[in-house]
Structures are given as structure tokens and as C-alpha cells.
Protein backbone atom coordinates (compact mmCIF):
# COMPACT_ATOMS: atom_id res chain seq x y z
CA MET A 1 5.38 3.98 -1.25
CA LEU A 2 5.80 1.15 -3.73
CA THR A 3 6.82 -1.25 -0.97
CA ASN A 4 3.99 -0.04 1.28
CA ILE A 5 1.18 0.60 -1.18
CA HIS A 6 -1.74 -1.00 0.66
CA LEU A 7 -2.44 2.02 2.94
CA PRO A 8 -6.18 1.31 3.53
CA ASN A 9 -5.13 -1.77 5.55
CA PHE A 10 -4.03 0.56 8.34
CA LEU A 11 -7.72 1.32 8.94
CA LYS A 12 -8.78 -2.37 8.64
CA GLY A 13 -6.20 -3.73 11.07
CA SER A 14 -5.19 -6.44 8.64
CA ILE A 15 -2.16 -7.20 6.43
CA TYR A 16 -1.94 -7.82 2.72
CA GLN A 17 -1.36 -11.55 2.01
CA GLY A 18 -1.57 -11.62 -1.79
CA LYS A 19 0.98 -12.87 -4.31
CA GLY A 20 3.08 -9.74 -3.89
CA LYS A 21 4.30 -11.13 -0.57
CA LEU A 22 6.14 -13.80 -2.50
CA ALA A 23 8.59 -11.08 -3.59
CA CYS A 24 11.14 -9.50 -1.27
CA ALA A 25 11.45 -5.76 -0.86
CA PRO A 26 15.06 -4.42 -1.06
CA GLY A 27 14.99 -2.64 2.35
CA LEU A 28 14.06 -3.52 5.88
CA ASN A 29 10.28 -3.51 5.58
CA CYS A 30 8.23 -5.71 7.93
CA TYR A 31 5.99 -8.39 6.44
CA SER A 32 3.44 -7.60 9.17
CA CYS A 33 3.08 -3.96 8.18
CA PRO A 34 -0.57 -3.51 7.03
CA ALA A 35 0.57 -1.57 3.99
CA ALA A 36 3.49 -3.82 2.97
CA SER A 37 3.30 -5.09 -0.60
CA GLY A 38 6.27 -7.45 -0.29
CA SER A 39 8.27 -9.46 2.25
CA CYS A 40 11.25 -8.42 4.32
CA PRO A 41 14.28 -10.34 2.95
CA ILE A 42 15.69 -10.90 6.44
CA GLY A 43 12.39 -12.22 7.77
CA ALA A 44 11.91 -14.40 4.71
CA PHE A 45 15.40 -15.85 5.03
CA GLN A 46 14.83 -16.76 8.68
CA ALA A 47 11.44 -18.31 7.89
CA VAL A 48 12.97 -20.67 5.33
CA VAL A 49 16.13 -21.50 7.27
CA GLY A 50 14.05 -22.16 10.38
CA SER A 51 11.54 -24.42 8.67
CA SER A 52 11.65 -28.18 8.94
CA LYS A 53 11.14 -28.63 5.19
CA PHE A 54 13.97 -26.50 3.76
CA SER A 55 17.59 -26.01 4.92
CA PHE A 56 18.53 -22.99 2.83
CA SER A 57 16.76 -20.22 0.92
CA TYR A 58 18.30 -19.99 -2.53
CA TYR A 59 15.58 -17.65 -3.75
CA VAL A 60 15.88 -15.08 -0.95
CA THR A 61 19.69 -15.30 -0.99
CA GLY A 62 19.66 -14.80 -4.74
CA ILE A 63 17.43 -11.73 -4.34
CA LEU A 64 19.79 -10.29 -1.73
CA ILE A 65 22.83 -10.92 -3.89
CA PHE A 66 21.07 -9.34 -6.90
CA PHE A 67 20.26 -6.14 -4.97
CA GLY A 68 23.75 -6.17 -3.37
CA VAL A 69 25.63 -6.50 -6.64
CA LEU A 70 23.33 -4.04 -8.42
CA LEU A 71 23.09 -1.32 -5.73
CA GLY A 72 25.11 -2.20 -2.66
CA ARG A 73 24.26 0.01 0.30
CA PHE A 74 22.55 2.47 -2.02
CA VAL A 75 19.52 0.46 -0.78
CA CYS A 76 20.26 1.68 2.75
CA GLY A 77 20.55 5.27 1.63
CA PHE A 78 17.49 5.52 -0.57
CA LEU A 79 15.24 2.39 -0.44
CA CYS A 80 14.97 1.39 3.22
CA PRO A 81 11.92 2.64 5.16
CA PHE A 82 13.57 2.33 8.55
CA GLY A 83 16.68 4.12 7.35
CA TRP A 84 14.43 6.94 6.08
CA PHE A 85 12.65 7.04 9.45
CA GLN A 86 15.94 7.45 11.33
CA GLU A 87 17.09 10.16 8.90
CA LEU A 88 13.91 12.16 9.52
CA LEU A 89 14.42 11.91 13.26
CA ASN A 90 18.01 13.12 12.91
CA LYS A 91 16.73 16.29 11.20
CA LEU A 92 15.04 17.39 14.43
CA PRO A 93 16.81 20.36 16.07
CA GLY A 94 19.43 19.50 18.67
CA LYS A 95 23.08 18.66 19.21
CA LYS A 96 24.38 15.89 16.97
CA LEU A 97 26.94 13.43 18.32
CA SER A 98 29.90 12.06 16.37
CA THR A 99 30.39 8.30 16.13
CA LYS A 100 33.93 8.28 14.79
CA ASN A 101 35.26 6.95 18.10
CA LEU A 102 32.62 4.20 18.03
CA ARG A 103 33.69 2.56 14.79
CA PRO A 104 34.26 -0.89 16.35
CA LEU A 105 30.49 -1.02 16.97
CA THR A 106 29.93 -1.23 13.21
CA PHE A 107 31.05 -4.89 13.41
CA LEU A 108 28.03 -5.72 15.63
CA LYS A 109 25.71 -5.90 12.62
CA TYR A 110 27.85 -8.72 11.11
CA ALA A 111 27.49 -10.67 14.39
CA VAL A 112 23.71 -10.09 14.28
CA LEU A 113 23.58 -11.33 10.67
CA LEU A 114 25.62 -14.43 11.43
CA LEU A 115 24.11 -15.37 14.79
CA MET A 116 20.51 -14.20 14.83
CA VAL A 117 19.65 -14.51 11.13
CA MET A 118 21.67 -17.57 10.05
CA ILE A 119 22.86 -19.77 12.94
CA LEU A 120 20.13 -19.62 15.58
CA PRO A 121 17.11 -20.12 13.26
CA ALA A 122 18.87 -23.07 11.66
CA PHE A 123 20.17 -24.85 14.77
CA ALA A 124 18.08 -23.68 17.76
CA VAL A 125 15.03 -25.70 16.79
CA ASN A 126 12.08 -27.21 18.64
CA ASP A 127 10.90 -30.85 18.72
CA LEU A 128 9.39 -30.43 15.26
CA GLY A 129 12.66 -29.25 13.82
CA MET A 130 11.52 -25.65 13.43
CA GLY A 131 13.53 -22.60 14.43
CA GLU A 132 12.32 -19.15 15.38
CA PRO A 133 12.96 -15.89 13.46
CA PHE A 134 15.23 -14.67 16.25
CA PHE A 135 16.12 -11.29 14.79
CA CYS A 136 12.52 -10.41 13.91
CA LYS A 137 11.13 -11.70 17.18
CA TYR A 138 13.65 -10.37 19.67
CA LEU A 139 15.57 -7.44 18.17
CA CYS A 140 14.08 -5.79 15.09
CA PRO A 141 12.35 -2.46 16.03
CA GLN A 142 10.86 -2.14 12.56
CA GLY A 143 8.37 -4.90 13.30
CA VAL A 144 6.96 -2.98 16.27
CA LEU A 145 6.87 0.30 14.37
CA GLU A 146 5.26 -1.03 11.20
CA GLY A 147 3.42 -4.06 12.48
CA ALA A 148 2.57 -4.37 16.14
CA ILE A 149 1.68 -0.74 16.87
CA PRO A 150 -0.64 0.02 13.90
CA LEU A 151 -2.30 -3.40 14.09
CA SER A 152 -2.96 -3.21 17.83
CA VAL A 153 -4.46 0.28 17.49
CA VAL A 154 -7.40 -0.99 15.42
CA ASN A 155 -7.47 -4.71 16.29
CA THR A 156 -8.68 -5.48 19.83
CA GLY A 157 -7.59 -9.11 19.63
CA ILE A 158 -4.01 -8.16 18.88
CA ARG A 159 -4.06 -5.46 21.50
CA ALA A 160 -5.19 -7.95 24.15
CA ALA A 161 -2.40 -10.36 23.21
CA LEU A 162 0.40 -7.88 23.73
CA GLY A 163 2.74 -8.90 26.54
CA LYS A 164 6.36 -8.85 27.77
CA LEU A 165 7.83 -9.47 24.35
CA PHE A 166 6.03 -6.42 22.94
CA ALA A 167 7.26 -4.34 25.89
CA TRP A 168 10.84 -5.47 25.24
CA LYS A 169 10.64 -4.69 21.51
CA PHE A 170 8.90 -1.40 22.14
CA GLY A 171 11.76 -0.46 24.49
CA ILE A 172 14.23 -1.24 21.68
CA LEU A 173 12.23 0.96 19.27
CA ILE A 174 12.15 3.88 21.73
CA THR A 175 15.89 3.50 22.29
CA PHE A 176 16.68 3.82 18.58
CA ILE A 177 14.19 6.64 18.17
CA LEU A 178 15.97 8.63 20.88
CA LEU A 179 19.40 7.70 19.55
CA SER A 180 18.43 8.74 16.02
CA VAL A 181 17.68 12.28 17.13
CA PHE A 182 21.30 12.73 18.24
CA ILE A 183 23.15 10.13 16.12
CA TYR A 184 22.84 9.66 12.36
CA ARG A 185 21.27 6.22 11.57
CA PRO A 186 22.44 4.30 14.66
CA PHE A 187 20.53 1.17 13.70
CA CYS A 188 21.99 1.19 10.19
CA LYS A 189 25.52 1.68 11.53
CA TRP A 190 25.56 -0.88 14.31
CA ILE A 191 22.72 -3.42 14.20
CA CYS A 192 21.02 -3.93 10.81
CA PRO A 193 21.83 -7.38 9.35
CA LEU A 194 20.45 -6.34 5.96
CA GLY A 195 22.92 -3.47 5.89
CA ALA A 196 25.66 -5.91 6.88
CA PHE A 197 24.86 -8.17 3.94
CA TYR A 198 24.83 -5.33 1.44
CA ALA A 199 28.04 -3.99 2.99
CA LEU A 200 29.83 -7.20 1.98
CA LEU A 201 29.00 -6.44 -1.66
CA ASN A 202 29.62 -2.66 -1.58
CA LYS A 203 33.02 -2.92 -3.24
CA VAL A 204 31.64 -4.85 -6.23
CA SER A 205 28.26 -3.19 -6.68
CA LEU A 206 27.28 -1.63 -9.98
CA VAL A 207 26.37 1.67 -8.30
CA GLY A 208 29.20 3.24 -6.30
CA MET A 209 31.32 6.30 -5.76
CA ARG A 210 34.24 7.62 -7.78
CA VAL A 211 36.93 10.16 -6.97
CA ASP A 212 38.71 12.00 -9.78
CA GLU A 213 42.19 12.45 -8.36
CA SER A 214 43.08 15.04 -10.98
CA ARG A 215 40.43 17.33 -9.50
CA CYS A 216 40.78 16.47 -5.81
CA ILE A 217 42.50 19.22 -3.76
CA SER A 218 42.54 17.21 -0.49
CA CYS A 219 40.46 19.77 1.35
CA GLY A 220 38.75 17.16 3.49
CA LYS A 221 35.25 18.61 3.01
CA CYS A 222 33.81 15.32 1.72
CA ALA A 223 35.05 13.43 4.81
CA ARG A 224 33.61 16.03 7.13
CA ALA A 225 30.30 15.95 5.32
CA CYS A 226 29.96 12.14 5.59
CA LYS A 227 27.74 11.13 8.51
CA MET A 228 28.71 7.48 8.08
CA ASP A 229 32.32 8.31 9.01
CA VAL A 230 33.77 7.48 5.57
CA ASP A 231 36.60 9.28 3.80
CA VAL A 232 35.56 8.74 0.20
CA THR A 233 38.96 9.86 -1.12
CA LYS A 234 40.64 6.93 0.64
CA THR A 235 37.96 4.26 0.25
CA PRO A 236 35.32 5.24 -2.34
CA ASP A 237 33.44 1.96 -1.90
CA HIS A 238 33.80 1.57 1.87
CA SER A 239 31.45 -0.96 3.45
CA GLU A 240 29.81 1.80 5.53
CA CYS A 241 29.08 4.07 2.55
CA ILE A 242 25.35 4.27 1.89
CA ARG A 243 25.73 6.31 -1.34
CA CYS A 244 23.79 9.25 0.18
CA GLY A 245 25.62 11.79 -1.95
CA MET A 246 26.56 14.21 0.85
CA CYS A 247 30.20 14.02 -0.22
CA VAL A 248 29.21 14.85 -3.79
CA ASP A 249 27.42 17.98 -2.65
CA ALA A 250 30.26 18.99 -0.34
CA CYS A 251 33.08 18.70 -2.90
CA PRO A 252 34.04 22.21 -4.20
CA THR A 253 35.82 20.88 -7.31
CA LYS A 254 33.26 18.24 -8.30
CA ALA A 255 35.90 15.51 -7.89
CA VAL A 256 33.47 13.14 -6.18
CA HIS A 257 30.60 11.69 -8.06
CA PHE A 258 28.49 8.59 -8.46
CA ARG A 259 29.58 5.81 -10.81
CA CYS A 260 27.45 3.31 -12.59
CA GLY A 261 29.41 0.29 -13.74
CA PHE A 262 32.02 -2.06 -12.43
CA GLY A 263 35.47 -0.61 -11.94
CA ALA A 264 37.81 1.13 -9.55
CA GLY A 265 36.52 3.91 -7.39
CA LYS A 266 39.36 6.29 -8.22
CA THR A 267 40.02 7.85 -11.63
CA ILE A 268 43.64 7.65 -12.69
CA GLU A 269 45.20 11.04 -13.40
CA ASN A 270 45.41 11.80 -17.07
CA LYS A 271 48.88 12.31 -18.56
CA LYS A 272 48.43 16.02 -19.19
CA MET A 273 47.63 16.77 -15.57
CA LYS A 274 50.56 14.65 -14.43
CA ILE A 275 52.98 16.50 -16.76
CA LYS A 276 51.71 19.85 -15.57
CA ARG A 277 52.26 18.92 -11.96
CA GLU A 278 55.77 17.72 -12.67
CA GLU A 279 56.56 20.94 -14.53
CA ALA A 280 55.17 23.00 -11.64
CA LYS A 281 57.55 21.21 -9.24
């Protein structure tokens, strides 16, 4: 709600363009959403990189690094509107499909980040030296959901201007809506460049996961509970971990918990527990 606080704009068919838009929201939240109070960091990064005046966005990159080092993919788990939308869809009744055999697809989001967010806007430029926001324009379904659809409903001018590009993006949105019913957060897992950026900083973020090895009984319940296909006992700060806390709830011995601070994700066994185990043997 804080990142989409201008709700009356949905009725007006206009977007907020005040000073708040100079700041970037932590999650994937479209600039063109009528209610948006800030900018999407991915859209802002492309806008600067694709401009003829600037070659790199130190401000936006700094904001991304700040959120990444502070929270990592906790942003994906709790602060991203599109992640929340996918999670709600996945709660609908129906058979849920496992994605463990599709793990290689998780690398797609890094390719999207590198190619569509960084390289193409910087180098595929027009005669004026300006590049397009390729990810926002051709791939991001959030722009259609938050921007194009609500604006076109109440704005006849925008509705009349919709064409093939809108149809293409709407098709992408419908695809991920359907996938989200059966697969947990498919866009987050495979496509989202913002998630890819935060994933690179997951191992060093201030907020993370910790496993107390002295309490762990290797029951595997935490791994089975994880819908992002992560075994927290092996890699507590895995790049795919969104800090959702499902493993914490699933652990019968309370060995898995959140950590706040820089340090290893596993707690070293204390000497007393180690001595007891050796005596038992």
C-alpha cells in the first residue's frame, strides 16, 4: 500500500507524477500504475541507460545495491506487488506442479537482466542516441496489469491507442496468470530481472536464514516445504531463497530461523552437544 498509495488515480485514469516518483520502490512496481508512489528500479535503470545524456545510473544502481545488501530476496518474498499477486493466484484450489526438474530455467532471469535491462537499452539506440526500455516494453507483464489495463478502462484516448504491442504483453500476462495457479511464482523463478539482481546479493544480505546444526535432525521437512526448491540446511542463503519463512514454520525442532546480521548461515555446534554425540557413539 505504501508503494501504491494514490488509489483515487484509478478513477481518474491518470498517474501520479510528483516528487515521490524520483525514488525507487524496492519491488517490481510499474511507474505507470495510477496508484504508484515511486518508480520501478528496473524501469528507471533502463530509462537512464537508454538516454542520450547519461551512460550509467549510479543512483538507481546504488538503491538496488542498498536494498540487496540490506534485504536480499526478502524483497521478493514480502515487498514485491507482482510476487504477491502470483502468490495469491497459487492459493486457488487445484493441482500444484513441482519445478525441481526445471531448475536450469532459473538462469533465464540473469539473461533477461543482462540483455534486456543492461545491454540492449545501452547499445540498441536510434539516430538520437536513445535506447528503448526493452524489458518494460516487450516482456514485463506488470506494466499491463498495473498500468495499461486500469488506465485504458477509464481513459478513452489510451484505449483507442492500444494495438499489437498491448496484445502481445497481455498474452504474456495471461500466460503467467495461468502458470501461477499451478506453479509457485513462475515469473519470480524464471524471468524477473529484479529478482536476479537481488539474488546476486543474497549471500551477503543483512537479512537471511540460519540453521542451527545442533538442533537439526535431518528430517527434510524444510526442503519439502520450500516452494522455491531450496534445501535451507545445505544452502541457507541460496540465490533462489526469498526468505518466505515456510521452512521456519515446517521445522519441528526450531532449527531454522531468520538471522539479522552479517555472518554464516549455519550455527556451529556447541562443544557440549559435540561431546554428547561422541559419548553416545
